[in-house]
Amino acid sequence: AKADCNNVSGGYRTGSNGSLAIQPGPSTMAFCGEGSLGNAYVSALSQTTSYEIASGTLSLTLTGGGKLQFT
């Protein structure tokens, strides 16, 4: 994953009914500046519970009901 100015590796596991678990791994540790959301983004990825692809958009549902969307 690209998290602001850093690169993050890791793994994922899919299951039945669109379940998805993402486990972020090692990351570069560059300082991306004040206001960077890179760490929050990686934290959100680790909270992924499921995914859906519709109309060219990937939606990741997070623990607690939040979503990340990618077009």
Protein backbone atom coordinates (compact mmCIF):
# COMPACT_ATOMS: atom_id res chain seq x y z
CA ALA A 1 0.00 0.00 0.00
CA LYS A 2 1.02 3.60 -0.47
CA ALA A 3 0.41 5.46 2.80
CA ASP A 4 1.16 9.12 2.10
CA CYS A 5 4.92 9.18 1.45
CA ASN A 6 5.58 5.66 2.79
CA ASN A 7 5.24 2.19 1.31
CA VAL A 8 3.67 -0.60 3.38
CA SER A 9 3.86 -4.32 2.68
CA GLY A 10 1.72 -6.97 4.28
CA GLY A 11 -0.76 -9.70 3.58
CA TYR A 12 -4.45 -10.35 3.29
CA ARG A 13 -6.90 -13.20 3.66
CA THR A 14 -10.26 -13.49 1.94
CA GLY A 15 -13.13 -15.65 3.08
CA SER A 16 -16.69 -16.47 2.19
CA ASN A 17 -19.27 -13.77 1.51
CA GLY A 18 -16.71 -11.06 0.76
CA SER A 19 -14.88 -11.17 4.08
CA LEU A 20 -11.39 -9.68 4.03
CA ALA A 21 -8.64 -9.32 6.63
CA ILE A 22 -5.63 -7.11 5.88
CA GLN A 23 -2.49 -7.37 7.98
CA PRO A 24 -0.09 -4.49 7.33
CA GLY A 25 3.56 -5.43 7.65
CA PRO A 26 6.86 -3.59 7.39
CA SER A 27 6.80 0.01 6.26
CA THR A 28 9.22 2.71 5.29
CA MET A 29 9.32 5.30 8.06
CA ALA A 30 9.80 8.64 6.28
CA PHE A 31 8.40 11.74 7.97
CA CYS A 32 5.57 12.84 5.67
CA GLY A 33 4.92 16.14 7.40
CA GLU A 34 2.41 17.52 9.87
CA GLY A 35 -1.14 16.59 8.94
CA SER A 36 -0.18 13.30 7.29
CA LEU A 37 -2.92 10.67 7.47
CA GLY A 38 -0.58 7.80 6.54
CA ASN A 39 -0.64 6.15 9.97
CA ALA A 40 -4.42 6.50 10.26
CA TYR A 41 -4.80 4.94 6.80
CA VAL A 42 -2.66 1.91 7.72
CA SER A 43 -4.59 1.54 10.96
CA ALA A 44 -7.87 1.61 9.01
CA LEU A 45 -6.61 -1.06 6.61
CA SER A 46 -5.92 -3.35 9.57
CA GLN A 47 -9.58 -2.95 10.64
CA THR A 48 -10.99 -4.21 7.31
CA THR A 49 -13.68 -6.87 7.68
CA SER A 50 -15.11 -7.14 4.15
CA TYR A 51 -14.92 -5.78 0.63
CA GLU A 52 -17.22 -5.12 -2.30
CA ILE A 53 -16.55 -4.08 -5.89
CA ALA A 54 -19.37 -2.26 -7.66
CA SER A 55 -19.37 0.15 -10.62
CA GLY A 56 -15.58 0.32 -10.65
CA THR A 57 -15.33 1.22 -6.95
CA LEU A 58 -13.65 -0.94 -4.31
CA SER A 59 -15.26 -0.47 -0.89
CA LEU A 60 -13.62 -1.79 2.27
CA THR A 61 -15.87 -2.05 5.32
CA LEU A 62 -14.10 -1.52 8.63
CA THR A 63 -14.77 -2.68 12.16
CA GLY A 64 -17.37 -0.31 13.57
CA GLY A 65 -18.97 0.30 10.16
CA GLY A 66 -16.55 2.81 8.62
CA LYS A 67 -15.62 2.54 4.94
CA LEU A 68 -12.67 3.19 2.67
CA GLN A 69 -13.52 3.65 -1.01
CA PHE A 70 -11.19 3.52 -4.01
CA THR A 71 -12.16 4.42 -7.57
